[in-house]
C-alpha atoms as a PDB file:
ATOM      1  CA  UNK A   1      -8.771   7.390 -22.042  1.00  0.00           C
ATOM      2  CA  UNK A   2      -7.449   5.592 -18.972  1.00  0.00           C
ATOM      3  CA  UNK A   3      -5.150   8.520 -18.187  1.00  0.00           C
ATOM      4  CA  UNK A   4      -8.088  10.931 -18.322  1.00  0.00           C
ATOM      5  CA  UNK A   5     -10.088   8.721 -15.956  1.00  0.00           C
ATOM      6  CA  UNK A   6      -7.156   8.522 -13.547  1.00  0.00           C
ATOM      7  CA  UNK A   7      -6.792  12.310 -13.551  1.00  0.00           C
ATOM      8  CA  UNK A   8     -10.509  12.690 -12.891  1.00  0.00           C
ATOM      9  CA  UNK A   9     -10.353  10.345  -9.903  1.00  0.00           C
ATOM     10  CA  UNK A  10      -7.338  12.172  -8.455  1.00  0.00           C
ATOM     11  CA  UNK A  11      -9.317  15.413  -8.374  1.00  0.00           C
ATOM     12  CA  UNK A  12     -12.224  13.861  -6.452  1.00  0.00           C
ATOM     13  CA  UNK A  13     -12.733  14.379  -2.738  1.00  0.00           C
ATOM     14  CA  UNK A  14     -11.467  11.497  -0.618  1.00  0.00           C
ATOM     15  CA  UNK A  15     -14.902  10.068   0.215  1.00  0.00           C
ATOM     16  CA  UNK A  16     -15.873  10.210  -3.459  1.00  0.00           C
ATOM     17  CA  UNK A  17     -12.709   8.316  -4.453  1.00  0.00           C
ATOM     18  CA  UNK A  18     -13.572   5.586  -1.961  1.00  0.00           C
ATOM     19  CA  UNK A  19     -17.153   5.143  -3.175  1.00  0.00           C
ATOM     20  CA  UNK A  20     -16.137   5.273  -6.842  1.00  0.00           C
ATOM     21  CA  UNK A  21     -13.300   2.758  -6.627  1.00  0.00           C
ATOM     22  CA  UNK A  22     -14.489   0.455  -3.836  1.00  0.00           C
ATOM     23  CA  UNK A  23     -15.560  -2.479  -5.994  1.00  0.00           C
ATOM     24  CA  UNK A  24     -12.450  -2.243  -8.144  1.00  0.00           C
ATOM     25  CA  UNK A  25     -10.139  -2.088  -5.113  1.00  0.00           C
ATOM     26  CA  UNK A  26     -11.931  -4.919  -3.311  1.00  0.00           C
ATOM     27  CA  UNK A  27     -11.222  -7.149  -6.294  1.00  0.00           C
ATOM     28  CA  UNK A  28      -7.572  -6.154  -6.576  1.00  0.00           C
ATOM     29  CA  UNK A  29      -6.857  -6.379  -2.831  1.00  0.00           C
ATOM     30  CA  UNK A  30      -8.410  -9.845  -2.660  1.00  0.00           C
ATOM     31  CA  UNK A  31      -6.371 -11.019  -5.661  1.00  0.00           C
ATOM     32  CA  UNK A  32      -3.123  -9.688  -4.171  1.00  0.00           C
ATOM     33  CA  UNK A  33      -3.720 -11.256  -0.770  1.00  0.00           C
ATOM     34  CA  UNK A  34      -4.640 -14.609  -2.280  1.00  0.00           C
ATOM     35  CA  UNK A  35      -1.373 -14.557  -4.243  1.00  0.00           C
ATOM     36  CA  UNK A  36       0.613 -13.723  -1.099  1.00  0.00           C
ATOM     37  CA  UNK A  37      -1.116 -16.494   0.826  1.00  0.00           C
ATOM     38  CA  UNK A  38      -0.492 -19.058  -1.907  1.00  0.00           C
ATOM     39  CA  UNK A  39       3.187 -18.105  -2.229  1.00  0.00           C
ATOM     40  CA  UNK A  40       3.854 -18.126   1.510  1.00  0.00           C
ATOM     41  CA  UNK A  41       2.009 -21.386   2.033  1.00  0.00           C
ATOM     42  CA  UNK A  42       3.876 -22.999  -0.846  1.00  0.00           C
ATOM     43  CA  UNK A  43       7.279 -21.906   0.462  1.00  0.00           C
ATOM     44  CA  UNK A  44       7.037 -24.616   3.128  1.00  0.00           C
ATOM     45  CA  UNK A  45       7.214 -27.096   0.239  1.00  0.00           C
ATOM     46  CA  UNK A  46       9.828 -25.973  -2.329  1.00  0.00           C
ATOM     47  CA  UNK A  47       8.390 -28.363  -4.909  1.00  0.00           C
ATOM     48  CA  UNK A  48       5.009 -26.625  -4.720  1.00  0.00           C
ATOM     49  CA  UNK A  49       6.629 -23.207  -4.930  1.00  0.00           C
ATOM     50  CA  UNK A  50       8.660 -24.160  -7.978  1.00  0.00           C
ATOM     51  CA  UNK A  51       5.488 -25.467  -9.594  1.00  0.00           C
ATOM     52  CA  UNK A  52       3.824 -22.091  -9.057  1.00  0.00           C
ATOM     53  CA  UNK A  53       6.840 -20.254 -10.449  1.00  0.00           C
ATOM     54  CA  UNK A  54       6.992 -22.494 -13.507  1.00  0.00           C
ATOM     55  CA  UNK A  55       3.265 -22.585 -14.206  1.00  0.00           C
ATOM     56  CA  UNK A  56       2.203 -21.116 -17.544  1.00  0.00           C
ATOM     57  CA  UNK A  57      -1.184 -19.486 -17.935  1.00  0.00           C
ATOM     58  CA  UNK A  58      -3.149 -20.335 -21.063  1.00  0.00           C
ATOM     59  CA  UNK A  59      -2.582 -17.679 -23.663  1.00  0.00           C
ATOM     60  CA  UNK A  60       0.402 -16.143 -21.895  1.00  0.00           C
ATOM     61  CA  UNK A  61       3.639 -15.354 -23.620  1.00  0.00           C
ATOM     62  CA  UNK A  62       6.221 -17.738 -22.133  1.00  0.00           C
ATOM     63  CA  UNK A  63       8.611 -14.822 -21.659  1.00  0.00           C
ATOM     64  CA  UNK A  64       6.034 -12.435 -20.219  1.00  0.00           C
ATOM     65  CA  UNK A  65       4.471 -13.572 -16.943  1.00  0.00           C
ATOM     66  CA  UNK A  66       2.550 -10.297 -16.733  1.00  0.00           C
ATOM     67  CA  UNK A  67       0.473 -10.794 -19.874  1.00  0.00           C
ATOM     68  CA  UNK A  68      -2.554 -12.213 -18.042  1.00  0.00           C
ATOM     69  CA  UNK A  69      -2.321  -9.347 -15.563  1.00  0.00           C
ATOM     70  CA  UNK A  70      -2.294  -6.891 -18.467  1.00  0.00           C
ATOM     71  CA  UNK A  71      -5.376  -8.517 -19.928  1.00  0.00           C
ATOM     72  CA  UNK A  72      -7.266  -8.167 -16.651  1.00  0.00           C
ATOM     73  CA  UNK A  73      -6.534  -4.476 -16.078  1.00  0.00           C
ATOM     74  CA  UNK A  74      -6.602  -3.369 -19.705  1.00  0.00           C
ATOM     75  CA  UNK A  75     -10.227  -2.280 -19.366  1.00  0.00           C
ATOM     76  CA  UNK A  76      -9.897  -0.675 -15.934  1.00  0.00           C
ATOM     77  CA  UNK A  77     -12.424   2.083 -15.346  1.00  0.00           C
ATOM     78  CA  UNK A  78     -13.807   3.636 -12.185  1.00  0.00           C
ATOM     79  CA  UNK A  79     -17.129   1.728 -11.731  1.00  0.00           C
ATOM     80  CA  UNK A  80     -20.835   3.498 -12.614  1.00  0.00           C
ATOM     81  CA  UNK A  81      12.529  13.901   0.772  1.00  0.00           C
ATOM     82  CA  UNK A  82      14.785  12.785   3.543  1.00  0.00           C
ATOM     83  CA  UNK A  83      13.177   9.995   5.500  1.00  0.00           C
ATOM     84  CA  UNK A  84      13.817   8.483   8.900  1.00  0.00           C
ATOM     85  CA  UNK A  85      15.226   5.074   9.779  1.00  0.00           C
ATOM     86  CA  UNK A  86      13.779   2.496   7.417  1.00  0.00           C
ATOM     87  CA  UNK A  87      12.970  -1.018   8.505  1.00  0.00           C
ATOM     88  CA  UNK A  88      13.880  -4.364   6.966  1.00  0.00           C
ATOM     89  CA  UNK A  89      11.544  -5.681   4.262  1.00  0.00           C
ATOM     90  CA  UNK A  90       8.447  -7.157   5.872  1.00  0.00           C
ATOM     91  CA  UNK A  91       8.694 -10.525   4.211  1.00  0.00           C
ATOM     92  CA  UNK A  92      12.084 -11.066   5.892  1.00  0.00           C
ATOM     93  CA  UNK A  93      10.702 -10.573   9.392  1.00  0.00           C
ATOM     94  CA  UNK A  94       9.380 -13.085  11.869  1.00  0.00           C
ATOM     95  CA  UNK A  95       8.956 -13.589  15.564  1.00  0.00           C
ATOM     96  CA  UNK A  96       5.235 -12.916  15.973  1.00  0.00           C
ATOM     97  CA  UNK A  97       2.902 -15.837  16.483  1.00  0.00           C
ATOM     98  CA  UNK A  98       1.874 -17.430  13.219  1.00  0.00           C
ATOM     99  CA  UNK A  99       4.738 -15.992  11.149  1.00  0.00           C
ATOM    100  CA  UNK A 100       7.076 -18.316   9.291  1.00  0.00           C
ATOM    101  CA  UNK A 101      10.751 -17.721   8.653  1.00  0.00           C
ATOM    102  CA  UNK A 102      12.080 -18.226   5.179  1.00  0.00           C
ATOM    103  CA  UNK A 103      14.768 -20.892   5.328  1.00  0.00           C
ATOM    104  CA  UNK A 104      17.111 -19.336   2.795  1.00  0.00           C
ATOM    105  CA  UNK A 105      17.590 -16.494   0.398  1.00  0.00           C
ATOM    106  CA  UNK A 106      16.625 -18.935  -2.345  1.00  0.00           C
ATOM    107  CA  UNK A 107      13.205 -19.348  -0.732  1.00  0.00           C
ATOM    108  CA  UNK A 108      12.754 -15.560  -0.674  1.00  0.00           C
ATOM    109  CA  UNK A 109      13.542 -15.304  -4.349  1.00  0.00           C
ATOM    110  CA  UNK A 110      11.166 -18.160  -5.169  1.00  0.00           C
ATOM    111  CA  UNK A 111       8.358 -16.359  -3.340  1.00  0.00           C
ATOM    112  CA  UNK A 112       9.132 -13.141  -5.200  1.00  0.00           C
ATOM    113  CA  UNK A 113       9.109 -15.007  -8.501  1.00  0.00           C
ATOM    114  CA  UNK A 114       5.803 -16.668  -7.631  1.00  0.00           C
ATOM    115  CA  UNK A 115       4.220 -13.314  -6.787  1.00  0.00           C
ATOM    116  CA  UNK A 116       5.506 -11.738  -9.982  1.00  0.00           C
ATOM    117  CA  UNK A 117       4.146 -14.709 -11.935  1.00  0.00           C
ATOM    118  CA  UNK A 118       0.712 -14.286 -10.383  1.00  0.00           C
ATOM    119  CA  UNK A 119       0.423 -10.484 -10.182  1.00  0.00           C
ATOM    120  CA  UNK A 120       2.887  -9.249 -12.789  1.00  0.00           C
ATOM    121  CA  UNK A 121       5.038  -7.263 -10.366  1.00  0.00           C
ATOM    122  CA  UNK A 122       6.786  -7.175  -7.008  1.00  0.00           C
ATOM    123  CA  UNK A 123       8.321  -4.317  -5.012  1.00  0.00           C
ATOM    124  CA  UNK A 124      11.880  -3.777  -3.873  1.00  0.00           C
ATOM    125  CA  UNK A 125      13.807  -1.187  -1.899  1.00  0.00           C
ATOM    126  CA  UNK A 126      16.824   0.608  -3.278  1.00  0.00           C
ATOM    127  CA  UNK A 127      18.612   3.967  -3.467  1.00  0.00           C
ATOM    128  CA  UNK A 128      16.091   6.594  -4.472  1.00  0.00           C
ATOM    129  CA  UNK A 129      16.354   8.566  -7.697  1.00  0.00           C
ATOM    130  CA  UNK A 130      15.481  11.658  -5.626  1.00  0.00           C
ATOM    131  CA  UNK A 131      18.706  13.349  -4.437  1.00  0.00           C
ATOM    132  CA  UNK A 132      19.134  13.108  -0.687  1.00  0.00           C
ATOM    133  CA  UNK A 133      16.035  10.946  -0.195  1.00  0.00           C
ATOM    134  CA  UNK A 134      17.828   7.796   0.940  1.00  0.00           C
ATOM    135  CA  UNK A 135      15.996   4.642  -0.054  1.00  0.00           C
ATOM    136  CA  UNK A 136      12.892   4.405  -2.179  1.00  0.00           C
ATOM    137  CA  UNK A 137      10.492   1.776  -3.484  1.00  0.00           C
ATOM    138  CA  UNK A 138      10.813   0.352  -6.987  1.00  0.00           C
ATOM    139  CA  UNK A 139       8.527  -1.825  -9.054  1.00  0.00           C
ATOM    140  CA  UNK A 140       9.886  -5.020 -10.590  1.00  0.00           C
ATOM    141  CA  UNK A 141       7.785  -6.130 -13.539  1.00  0.00           C
ATOM    142  CA  UNK A 142       5.082  -3.948 -15.038  1.00  0.00           C
ATOM    143  CA  UNK A 143       1.839  -2.437 -13.756  1.00  0.00           C
ATOM    144  CA  UNK A 144      -0.789  -0.795 -15.900  1.00  0.00           C
ATOM    145  CA  UNK A 145      -2.601   2.375 -14.898  1.00  0.00           C
ATOM    146  CA  UNK A 146      -5.216   1.667 -12.245  1.00  0.00           C
ATOM    147  CA  UNK A 147      -3.314  -1.202 -10.610  1.00  0.00           C
ATOM    148  CA  UNK A 148      -3.213  -1.502  -6.822  1.00  0.00           C
ATOM    149  CA  UNK A 149       0.497  -1.974  -6.112  1.00  0.00           C
ATOM    150  CA  UNK A 150       1.028  -1.397  -2.403  1.00  0.00           C
ATOM    151  CA  UNK A 151      -0.279  -0.806   1.105  1.00  0.00           C
ATOM    152  CA  UNK A 152       0.619   1.608   3.882  1.00  0.00           C
ATOM    153  CA  UNK A 153       1.622  -0.391   6.983  1.00  0.00           C
ATOM    154  CA  UNK A 154       1.566   0.733  10.577  1.00  0.00           C
ATOM    155  CA  UNK A 155      -0.574   1.498  13.600  1.00  0.00           C
ATOM    156  CA  UNK A 156      -4.038   2.952  13.032  1.00  0.00           C
ATOM    157  CA  UNK A 157      -5.129   5.935  15.131  1.00  0.00           C
ATOM    158  CA  UNK A 158      -8.802   6.856  15.161  1.00  0.00           C
ATOM    159  CA  UNK A 159      -9.878  10.302  16.303  1.00  0.00           C
ATOM    160  CA  UNK A 160     -10.785   8.815  19.689  1.00  0.00           C
ATOM    161  CA  UNK A 161      -7.131   7.774  20.088  1.00  0.00           C
ATOM    162  CA  UNK A 162      -5.668  11.290  19.865  1.00  0.00           C
ATOM    163  CA  UNK A 163      -7.875  13.433  22.085  1.00  0.00           C
ATOM    164  CA  UNK A 164      -5.619  13.727  25.120  1.00  0.00           C
ATOM    165  CA  UNK A 165      -2.346  15.696  25.131  1.00  0.00           C
ATOM    166  CA  UNK A 166      -0.352  12.600  26.060  1.00  0.00           C
ATOM    167  CA  UNK A 167      -1.903  10.719  23.130  1.00  0.00           C
ATOM    168  CA  UNK A 168      -0.957  13.467  20.707  1.00  0.00           C
ATOM    169  CA  UNK A 169       2.557  13.496  22.180  1.00  0.00           C
ATOM    170  CA  UNK A 170       2.940   9.844  21.126  1.00  0.00           C
ATOM    171  CA  UNK A 171       2.662  10.863  17.479  1.00  0.00           C
ATOM    172  CA  UNK A 172       4.302  14.256  17.206  1.00  0.00           C
ATOM    173  CA  UNK A 173       6.664  15.599  16.181  1.00  0.00           C
ATOM    174  CA  UNK A 174       6.892  13.667  12.916  1.00  0.00           C
ATOM    175  CA  UNK A 175       9.835  15.311  11.090  1.00  0.00           C
ATOM    176  CA  UNK A 176      10.295  12.424   8.667  1.00  0.00           C
ATOM    177  CA  UNK A 177       6.613  12.380   7.602  1.00  0.00           C
ATOM    178  CA  UNK A 178       5.734   8.805   8.432  1.00  0.00           C
ATOM    179  CA  UNK A 179       2.245   9.790   9.585  1.00  0.00           C
ATOM    180  CA  UNK A 180      -0.428   9.498   6.911  1.00  0.00           C
ATOM    181  CA  UNK A 181      -3.824  11.125   7.483  1.00  0.00           C
ATOM    182  CA  UNK A 182      -6.818   9.904   5.511  1.00  0.00           C
ATOM    183  CA  UNK A 183      -9.676  12.135   4.388  1.00  0.00           C
ATOM    184  CA  UNK A 184     -11.736  10.925   7.403  1.00  0.00           C
ATOM    185  CA  UNK A 185      -8.995  11.966   9.885  1.00  0.00           C
ATOM    186  CA  UNK A 186      -7.896   8.371  10.521  1.00  0.00           C
ATOM    187  CA  UNK A 187      -4.090   8.348  10.837  1.00  0.00           C
ATOM    188  CA  UNK A 188      -1.595   5.619  10.025  1.00  0.00           C
ATOM    189  CA  UNK A 189       1.844   5.646  11.639  1.00  0.00           C
ATOM    190  CA  UNK A 190       4.405   4.080   9.308  1.00  0.00           C
ATOM    191  CA  UNK A 191       7.046   4.213  12.036  1.00  0.00           C
ATOM    192  CA  UNK A 192       5.326   1.151  13.500  1.00  0.00           C
ATOM    193  CA  UNK A 193       5.575  -0.826  10.246  1.00  0.00           C
ATOM    194  CA  UNK A 194       7.968  -3.343  11.762  1.00  0.00           C
ATOM    195  CA  UNK A 195       5.394  -4.312  14.376  1.00  0.00           C
ATOM    196  CA  UNK A 196       2.805  -5.322  11.779  1.00  0.00           C
ATOM    197  CA  UNK A 197       2.019  -8.536   9.946  1.00  0.00           C
ATOM    198  CA  UNK A 198       4.389  -9.382   7.056  1.00  0.00           C
ATOM    199  CA  UNK A 199       3.243  -8.376   3.596  1.00  0.00           C
ATOM    200  CA  UNK A 200       5.466  -8.207   0.507  1.00  0.00           C
ATOM    201  CA  UNK A 201       3.648  -5.135  -0.806  1.00  0.00           C
ATOM    202  CA  UNK A 202       3.378  -3.124   2.428  1.00  0.00           C
ATOM    203  CA  UNK A 203       6.102  -0.613   1.577  1.00  0.00           C
ATOM    204  CA  UNK A 204       4.055   2.516   0.895  1.00  0.00           C
ATOM    205  CA  UNK A 205       5.539   4.267   3.958  1.00  0.00           C
ATOM    206  CA  UNK A 206       8.910   4.253   2.165  1.00  0.00           C
ATOM    207  CA  UNK A 207       7.673   5.880  -1.066  1.00  0.00           C
ATOM    208  CA  UNK A 208       9.253   9.269  -1.665  1.00  0.00           C
ATOM    209  CA  UNK A 209       7.784  12.568  -2.849  1.00  0.00           C
ATOM    210  CA  UNK A 210       8.182  13.517  -6.496  1.00  0.00           C
ATOM    211  CA  UNK A 211       6.404  13.652  -9.825  1.00  0.00           C
ATOM    212  CA  UNK A 212       3.769  11.051  -8.953  1.00  0.00           C
ATOM    213  CA  UNK A 213       2.995   7.812 -10.754  1.00  0.00           C
ATOM    214  CA  UNK A 214       0.867   6.518  -7.854  1.00  0.00           C
ATOM    215  CA  UNK A 215      -1.869   7.920  -5.639  1.00  0.00           C
ATOM    216  CA  UNK A 216      -2.898   6.965  -2.104  1.00  0.00           C
ATOM    217  CA  UNK A 217      -6.491   6.024  -1.339  1.00  0.00           C
ATOM    218  CA  UNK A 218      -8.275   5.160   1.886  1.00  0.00           C
ATOM    219  CA  UNK A 219      -9.260   1.508   2.067  1.00  0.00           C
ATOM    220  CA  UNK A 220     -11.153  -0.387   4.772  1.00  0.00           C
ATOM    221  CA  UNK A 221     -10.782  -4.110   5.282  1.00  0.00           C
ATOM    222  CA  UNK A 222     -14.347  -5.239   5.853  1.00  0.00           C
ATOM    223  CA  UNK A 223     -15.699  -7.278   8.706  1.00  0.00           C
ATOM    224  CA  UNK A 224     -19.108  -8.833   9.257  1.00  0.00           C
ATOM    225  CA  UNK A 225     -20.125  -8.617  12.923  1.00  0.00           C
ATOM    226  CA  UNK A 226     -22.204 -11.771  12.452  1.00  0.00           C
ATOM    227  CA  UNK A 227     -19.272 -13.690  11.013  1.00  0.00           C
ATOM    228  CA  UNK A 228     -20.949 -14.411   7.693  1.00  0.00           C
ATOM    229  CA  UNK A 229     -18.657 -12.406   5.473  1.00  0.00           C
ATOM    230  CA  UNK A 230     -16.051  -9.704   5.567  1.00  0.00           C
ATOM    231  CA  UNK A 231     -12.429 -10.047   4.541  1.00  0.00           C
ATOM    232  CA  UNK A 232     -11.483 -13.777   4.423  1.00  0.00           C
ATOM    233  CA  UNK A 233     -10.117 -14.991   7.759  1.00  0.00           C
ATOM    234  CA  UNK A 234      -7.257 -16.951   6.157  1.00  0.00           C
ATOM    235  CA  UNK A 235      -5.992 -13.742   4.508  1.00  0.00           C
ATOM    236  CA  UNK A 236      -6.182 -11.486   7.553  1.00  0.00           C
ATOM    237  CA  UNK A 237      -2.663 -12.399   8.781  1.00  0.00           C
ATOM    238  CA  UNK A 238      -1.300 -10.382   5.823  1.00  0.00           C
ATOM    239  CA  UNK A 239      -3.088  -7.128   6.748  1.00  0.00           C
ATOM    240  CA  UNK A 240      -0.219  -4.799   7.714  1.00  0.00           C
ATOM    241  CA  UNK A 241      -2.268  -2.603  10.048  1.00  0.00           C
ATOM    242  CA  UNK A 242      -3.576  -2.802  13.600  1.00  0.00           C
ATOM    243  CA  UNK A 243      -5.196  -0.369  16.003  1.00  0.00           C
ATOM    244  CA  UNK A 244      -2.914   1.569  18.314  1.00  0.00           C
ATOM    245  CA  UNK A 245      -5.459   0.993  21.085  1.00  0.00           C
ATOM    246  CA  UNK A 246      -8.758  -0.873  21.283  1.00  0.00           C
ATOM    247  CA  UNK A 247     -11.550   1.078  19.674  1.00  0.00           C
ATOM    248  CA  UNK A 248     -14.760   1.855  21.509  1.00  0.00           C
ATOM    249  CA  UNK A 249     -18.227   1.090  20.258  1.00  0.00           C
ATOM    250  CA  UNK A 250     -19.237   4.743  20.155  1.00  0.00           C
ATOM    251  CA  UNK A 251     -15.919   6.292  19.209  1.00  0.00           C
ATOM    252  CA  UNK A 252     -15.249   4.380  15.994  1.00  0.00           C
ATOM    253  CA  UNK A 253     -16.401   5.995  12.752  1.00  0.00           C
ATOM    254  CA  UNK A 254     -17.337   2.741  11.049  1.00  0.00           C
ATOM    255  CA  UNK A 255     -18.007  -0.517  12.864  1.00  0.00           C
ATOM    256  CA  UNK A 256     -18.140  -2.364   9.537  1.00  0.00           C
ATOM    257  CA  UNK A 257     -14.384  -1.924   9.163  1.00  0.00           C
ATOM    258  CA  UNK A 258     -12.130  -4.686  10.419  1.00  0.00           C
ATOM    259  CA  UNK A 259      -9.322  -2.125  10.248  1.00  0.00           C
ATOM    260  CA  UNK A 260      -8.649   1.015   8.212  1.00  0.00           C
ATOM    261  CA  UNK A 261      -5.743   1.214   5.788  1.00  0.00           C
ATOM    262  CA  UNK A 262      -4.376   3.019   2.731  1.00  0.00           C
ATOM    263  CA  UNK A 263      -3.537   1.509  -0.664  1.00  0.00           C
ATOM    264  CA  UNK A 264      -1.497   2.744  -3.615  1.00  0.00           C
ATOM    265  CA  UNK A 265      -3.018   2.921  -7.099  1.00  0.00           C
ATOM    266  CA  UNK A 266      -0.959   3.616 -10.217  1.00  0.00           C
ATOM    267  CA  UNK A 267      -1.903   6.774 -12.108  1.00  0.00           C
ATOM    268  CA  UNK A 268       0.131   5.836 -15.186  1.00  0.00           C
ATOM    269  CA  UNK A 269       1.725   2.733 -16.653  1.00  0.00           C
ATOM    270  CA  UNK A 270       4.732   1.843 -14.498  1.00  0.00           C
ATOM    271  CA  UNK A 271       7.712   0.135 -16.108  1.00  0.00           C
ATOM    272  CA  UNK A 272      10.181  -2.375 -14.732  1.00  0.00           C
ATOM    273  CA  UNK A 273      12.658  -0.670 -12.394  1.00  0.00           C
ATOM    274  CA  UNK A 274      10.656   2.547 -12.071  1.00  0.00           C
ATOM    275  CA  UNK A 275      10.524   4.216  -8.657  1.00  0.00           C
ATOM    276  CA  UNK A 276       7.085   4.651  -7.093  1.00  0.00           C
ATOM    277  CA  UNK A 277       6.564   8.316  -6.228  1.00  0.00           C
ATOM    278  CA  UNK A 278       3.761  10.091  -4.381  1.00  0.00           C
ATOM    279  CA  UNK A 279       2.669  13.692  -4.294  1.00  0.00           C
ATOM    280  CA  UNK A 280       2.819  14.351  -0.538  1.00  0.00           C
ATOM    281  CA  UNK A 281       0.534  17.367  -0.957  1.00  0.00           C
ATOM    282  CA  UNK A 282       1.737  19.119   2.187  1.00  0.00           C
ATOM    283  CA  UNK A 283      -0.375  21.974   3.503  1.00  0.00           C
ATOM    284  CA  UNK A 284       0.725  25.214   1.767  1.00  0.00           C
ATOM    285  CA  UNK A 285      -1.067  27.285   4.427  1.00  0.00           C
ATOM    286  CA  UNK A 286       1.731  26.523   6.881  1.00  0.00           C
ATOM    287  CA  UNK A 287       4.125  28.590   4.814  1.00  0.00           C
ATOM    288  CA  UNK A 288       7.312  27.610   3.054  1.00  0.00           C
ATOM    289  CA  UNK A 289       9.398  28.062   6.185  1.00  0.00           C
ATOM    290  CA  UNK A 290       7.463  25.299   7.960  1.00  0.00           C
ATOM    291  CA  UNK A 291       7.803  22.783   5.111  1.00  0.00           C
ATOM    292  CA  UNK A 292      10.831  20.476   4.713  1.00  0.00           C
ATOM    293  CA  UNK A 293      13.682  22.049   2.783  1.00  0.00           C
ATOM    294  CA  UNK A 294      13.563  19.224   0.235  1.00  0.00           C
ATOM    295  CA  UNK A 295       9.836  19.601  -0.475  1.00  0.00           C
ATOM    296  CA  UNK A 296       8.934  20.998  -3.894  1.00  0.00           C
ATOM    297  CA  UNK A 297       5.175  21.234  -4.628  1.00  0.00           C
ATOM    298  CA  UNK A 298       4.046  19.216  -7.633  1.00  0.00           C
ATOM    299  CA  UNK A 299       0.696  20.959  -8.058  1.00  0.00           C
ATOM    300  CA  UNK A 300       0.015  23.991  -5.832  1.00  0.00           C
ATOM    301  CA  UNK A 301      -3.631  24.112  -6.919  1.00  0.00           C
ATOM    302  CA  UNK A 302      -4.182  20.476  -5.944  1.00  0.00           C
ATOM    303  CA  UNK A 303      -2.439  21.007  -2.616  1.00  0.00           C
ATOM    304  CA  UNK A 304      -4.678  24.003  -1.848  1.00  0.00           C
ATOM    305  CA  UNK A 305      -7.782  22.046  -2.839  1.00  0.00           C
ATOM    306  CA  UNK A 306      -6.880  19.192  -0.496  1.00  0.00           C
ATOM    307  CA  UNK A 307      -6.426  21.505   2.477  1.00  0.00           C
ATOM    308  CA  UNK A 308      -9.329  23.855   1.708  1.00  0.00           C
END
């Protein structure tokens, strides 16, 4: 049943996916960011971090820290390639104001363990299972179908940012396919991932093309112009996206968005050690000669539908 629902959502138009899954994604994004915040805050006090890692949830199997996570997503329903130079993992970076350096590799592993305890999974980089694709992204733990497992980091370009020839020249060519275009024409440039805020799960720009077990969906972090709501201020430092240039009042498609992003949702149960793969769905109208030599279409009909 869940697989059928996932397949139905994948065939929806982009705007329909957003409206159908918004409430579900809001809940999952908030839960992930709260876990990241708690783990990073606790790392300044190893005793607190070890307490998080050793904490047992009521009703959980002692040997299965993902059991609570499984319980929460069990009833999920939609509500009524060769790549370029790849950056260091975001949680190992620092330097920007407000970022904290991990003091040792042991601290890094404690944070990873804490996140896996809370969410049921973490992500890691490693040699891809796709021949010639370099590195890929792998899931450690388990994630049921319908789980939000990652974010696409980088600079956000609205349509108003790419109107002039010199602005377009900043983005193209993109031979390694680090540009991601949403259904509303908003573009994310994963080549700028290193410039963004650190987030353990912001590795979507490194996911390779293949038989997919994840799908990419547009997601907007909300803001309240009056300051009464929106995405929690204490969690905003973990948003791995920022605008390439200031947006104008009239040129922005949605003033209710703090910033636009893209998230990854599993389309099947993902096991420990499994590589996360996307269907890139490149435009077949450009002709085979214009597509990368390594690109093999997964579903020609779906590709044609996307670019219709």
